[in-house]
Amino acid sequence: QVQLVESGGGLVQAGGSLRLSCVASGRIFSGYTMGWYRQGPGKEREFVASISWSGGLTNYADSVKGRFAISRDNSKNTLYLRMNSLEPEDTARYYCNSNAGYWGLGTQVTVSS
């Protein structure tokens, strides 16, 4: 079964940290660039970060640079997003994406002021 399953979201105060995880089926993880996207209330889905298969190339949205870190463990078919210095503007549902064309159902992150 092809799937991406996110976890790790929750409610956190501004300035806090969270780590999101995304466990993927092997055939949509191995060899593919993976990414995180988010959709806030009343907003369109937007790019957050991506990472190449080797992990050697990462990209970030300007709004999260220096605060978020994307990583992956290819032995576990797992993608991570470490989020530090969270701001209320980071409140959104966070989605895992495989460049193979698949999305997870998302995990909610709520940052209180």
C-alpha atoms as a PDB file:
ATOM      1  CA  GLN A   1       0.000   0.000   0.000  1.00  0.00           C
ATOM      2  CA  VAL A   2       1.341   3.395  -0.982  1.00  0.00           C
ATOM      3  CA  GLN A   3       1.162   5.871   1.837  1.00  0.00           C
ATOM      4  CA  LEU A   4       2.741   8.740   3.694  1.00  0.00           C
ATOM      5  CA  VAL A   5       1.865   9.064   7.370  1.00  0.00           C
ATOM      6  CA  GLU A   6       2.739  12.210   9.258  1.00  0.00           C
ATOM      7  CA  SER A   7       2.962  12.575  13.025  1.00  0.00           C
ATOM      8  CA  GLY A   8       4.393  14.884  15.661  1.00  0.00           C
ATOM      9  CA  GLY A   9       2.067  17.852  15.390  1.00  0.00           C
ATOM     10  CA  GLY A  10       0.425  19.479  18.363  1.00  0.00           C
ATOM     11  CA  LEU A  11      -0.143  22.630  20.351  1.00  0.00           C
ATOM     12  CA  VAL A  12       2.944  24.578  21.381  1.00  0.00           C
ATOM     13  CA  GLN A  13       3.635  28.052  22.710  1.00  0.00           C
ATOM     14  CA  ALA A  14       5.436  30.623  20.627  1.00  0.00           C
ATOM     15  CA  GLY A  15       9.166  30.074  20.844  1.00  0.00           C
ATOM     16  CA  GLY A  16       8.745  26.358  21.318  1.00  0.00           C
ATOM     17  CA  SER A  17       9.838  23.434  19.179  1.00  0.00           C
ATOM     18  CA  LEU A  18       8.332  20.402  17.513  1.00  0.00           C
ATOM     19  CA  ARG A  19       9.635  17.596  15.345  1.00  0.00           C
ATOM     20  CA  LEU A  20       7.416  16.217  12.635  1.00  0.00           C
ATOM     21  CA  SER A  21       7.907  12.764  11.171  1.00  0.00           C
ATOM     22  CA  CYS A  22       6.647  11.178   7.982  1.00  0.00           C
ATOM     23  CA  VAL A  23       6.881   7.442   7.434  1.00  0.00           C
ATOM     24  CA  ALA A  24       6.636   6.431   3.798  1.00  0.00           C
ATOM     25  CA  SER A  25       6.133   3.304   1.781  1.00  0.00           C
ATOM     26  CA  GLY A  26       9.489   2.329   0.355  1.00  0.00           C
ATOM     27  CA  ARG A  27       8.645   2.675  -3.295  1.00  0.00           C
ATOM     28  CA  ILE A  28       7.664   6.335  -2.987  1.00  0.00           C
ATOM     29  CA  PHE A  29      10.566   7.228  -0.726  1.00  0.00           C
ATOM     30  CA  SER A  30      13.626   5.532  -2.115  1.00  0.00           C
ATOM     31  CA  GLY A  31      15.323   7.651  -4.722  1.00  0.00           C
ATOM     32  CA  TYR A  32      12.927  10.564  -4.454  1.00  0.00           C
ATOM     33  CA  THR A  33      13.182  14.117  -3.259  1.00  0.00           C
ATOM     34  CA  MET A  34      10.847  14.579  -0.309  1.00  0.00           C
ATOM     35  CA  GLY A  35       9.270  17.724   1.021  1.00  0.00           C
ATOM     36  CA  TRP A  36       7.101  19.392   3.600  1.00  0.00           C
ATOM     37  CA  TYR A  37       4.275  21.756   2.750  1.00  0.00           C
ATOM     38  CA  ARG A  38       1.758  23.528   4.940  1.00  0.00           C
ATOM     39  CA  GLN A  39      -1.672  25.068   4.699  1.00  0.00           C
ATOM     40  CA  GLY A  40      -2.724  27.663   7.226  1.00  0.00           C
ATOM     41  CA  PRO A  41      -6.276  28.801   7.966  1.00  0.00           C
ATOM     42  CA  GLY A  42      -7.716  30.520   4.900  1.00  0.00           C
ATOM     43  CA  LYS A  43      -4.474  30.120   2.977  1.00  0.00           C
ATOM     44  CA  GLU A  44      -3.270  28.071   0.058  1.00  0.00           C
ATOM     45  CA  ARG A  45      -0.866  25.211   0.546  1.00  0.00           C
ATOM     46  CA  GLU A  46       2.718  26.463   0.486  1.00  0.00           C
ATOM     47  CA  PHE A  47       6.174  24.979   0.248  1.00  0.00           C
ATOM     48  CA  VAL A  48       8.154  24.682   3.471  1.00  0.00           C
ATOM     49  CA  ALA A  49      11.237  22.584   2.776  1.00  0.00           C
ATOM     50  CA  SER A  50      12.607  19.809   0.585  1.00  0.00           C
ATOM     51  CA  ILE A  51      15.490  17.377   0.660  1.00  0.00           C
ATOM     52  CA  SER A  52      17.131  15.297  -2.036  1.00  0.00           C
ATOM     53  CA  TRP A  53      17.424  11.528  -1.876  1.00  0.00           C
ATOM     54  CA  SER A  54      21.028  11.730  -0.666  1.00  0.00           C
ATOM     55  CA  GLY A  55      20.217  14.485   1.784  1.00  0.00           C
ATOM     56  CA  GLY A  56      22.901  16.612   0.225  1.00  0.00           C
ATOM     57  CA  LEU A  57      20.546  19.233  -1.162  1.00  0.00           C
ATOM     58  CA  THR A  58      17.979  21.037   0.934  1.00  0.00           C
ATOM     59  CA  ASN A  59      15.757  23.992   0.194  1.00  0.00           C
ATOM     60  CA  TYR A  60      13.670  26.139   2.514  1.00  0.00           C
ATOM     61  CA  ALA A  61      11.003  28.775   2.251  1.00  0.00           C
ATOM     62  CA  ASP A  62      12.357  32.159   3.302  1.00  0.00           C
ATOM     63  CA  SER A  63       9.860  32.273   6.155  1.00  0.00           C
ATOM     64  CA  VAL A  64      11.399  29.233   7.880  1.00  0.00           C
ATOM     65  CA  LYS A  65      15.094  29.549   7.037  1.00  0.00           C
ATOM     66  CA  GLY A  66      17.234  29.358  10.135  1.00  0.00           C
ATOM     67  CA  ARG A  67      14.374  27.977  12.231  1.00  0.00           C
ATOM     68  CA  PHE A  68      13.380  24.714  10.536  1.00  0.00           C
ATOM     69  CA  ALA A  69      15.581  21.800   9.520  1.00  0.00           C
ATOM     70  CA  ILE A  70      14.564  18.996   7.175  1.00  0.00           C
ATOM     71  CA  SER A  71      16.268  15.624   7.321  1.00  0.00           C
ATOM     72  CA  ARG A  72      15.666  12.027   6.327  1.00  0.00           C
ATOM     73  CA  ASP A  73      16.639   8.543   7.412  1.00  0.00           C
ATOM     74  CA  ASN A  74      16.669   6.413   4.302  1.00  0.00           C
ATOM     75  CA  SER A  75      17.102   3.214   6.300  1.00  0.00           C
ATOM     76  CA  LYS A  76      13.761   3.897   7.982  1.00  0.00           C
ATOM     77  CA  ASN A  77      11.903   5.481   5.035  1.00  0.00           C
ATOM     78  CA  THR A  78      11.298   8.440   7.318  1.00  0.00           C
ATOM     79  CA  LEU A  79      11.330  12.174   6.705  1.00  0.00           C
ATOM     80  CA  TYR A  80      11.665  14.703   9.507  1.00  0.00           C
ATOM     81  CA  LEU A  81      11.088  18.386  10.051  1.00  0.00           C
ATOM     82  CA  ARG A  82      12.605  19.965  13.118  1.00  0.00           C
ATOM     83  CA  MET A  83      10.858  23.239  13.892  1.00  0.00           C
ATOM     84  CA  ASN A  84      12.396  25.680  16.350  1.00  0.00           C
ATOM     85  CA  SER A  85      11.423  29.181  17.443  1.00  0.00           C
ATOM     86  CA  LEU A  86       7.862  28.550  16.378  1.00  0.00           C
ATOM     87  CA  GLU A  87       5.655  31.555  15.703  1.00  0.00           C
ATOM     88  CA  PRO A  88       1.853  31.859  15.605  1.00  0.00           C
ATOM     89  CA  GLU A  89       2.226  32.362  11.837  1.00  0.00           C
ATOM     90  CA  ASP A  90       3.527  28.780  11.606  1.00  0.00           C
ATOM     91  CA  THR A  91       0.097  27.482  12.605  1.00  0.00           C
ATOM     92  CA  ALA A  92      -0.992  25.190   9.781  1.00  0.00           C
ATOM     93  CA  ARG A  93      -1.576  21.643   8.738  1.00  0.00           C
ATOM     94  CA  TYR A  94       1.761  20.206   7.626  1.00  0.00           C
ATOM     95  CA  TYR A  95       1.883  17.744   4.755  1.00  0.00           C
ATOM     96  CA  CYS A  96       4.564  15.330   3.658  1.00  0.00           C
ATOM     97  CA  ASN A  97       5.159  15.062  -0.077  1.00  0.00           C
ATOM     98  CA  SER A  98       6.983  12.585  -2.237  1.00  0.00           C
ATOM     99  CA  ASN A  99       8.281  13.750  -5.595  1.00  0.00           C
ATOM    100  CA  ALA A 100       6.745  10.526  -6.875  1.00  0.00           C
ATOM    101  CA  GLY A 101       3.458  12.404  -6.666  1.00  0.00           C
ATOM    102  CA  TYR A 102       2.033  11.408  -3.313  1.00  0.00           C
ATOM    103  CA  TRP A 103       0.785  13.330  -0.283  1.00  0.00           C
ATOM    104  CA  GLY A 104       0.058  12.409   3.299  1.00  0.00           C
ATOM    105  CA  LEU A 105      -3.053  13.477   5.174  1.00  0.00           C
ATOM    106  CA  GLY A 106      -1.140  15.958   7.267  1.00  0.00           C
ATOM    107  CA  THR A 107      -0.539  16.734  10.913  1.00  0.00           C
ATOM    108  CA  GLN A 108      -1.821  19.866  12.649  1.00  0.00           C
ATOM    109  CA  VAL A 109       0.574  22.327  14.234  1.00  0.00           C
ATOM    110  CA  THR A 110      -0.894  25.097  16.363  1.00  0.00           C
ATOM    111  CA  VAL A 111       1.313  27.782  17.870  1.00  0.00           C
ATOM    112  CA  SER A 112      -0.206  29.934  20.584  1.00  0.00           C
ATOM    113  CA  SER A 113       0.999  33.457  21.321  1.00  0.00           C
END
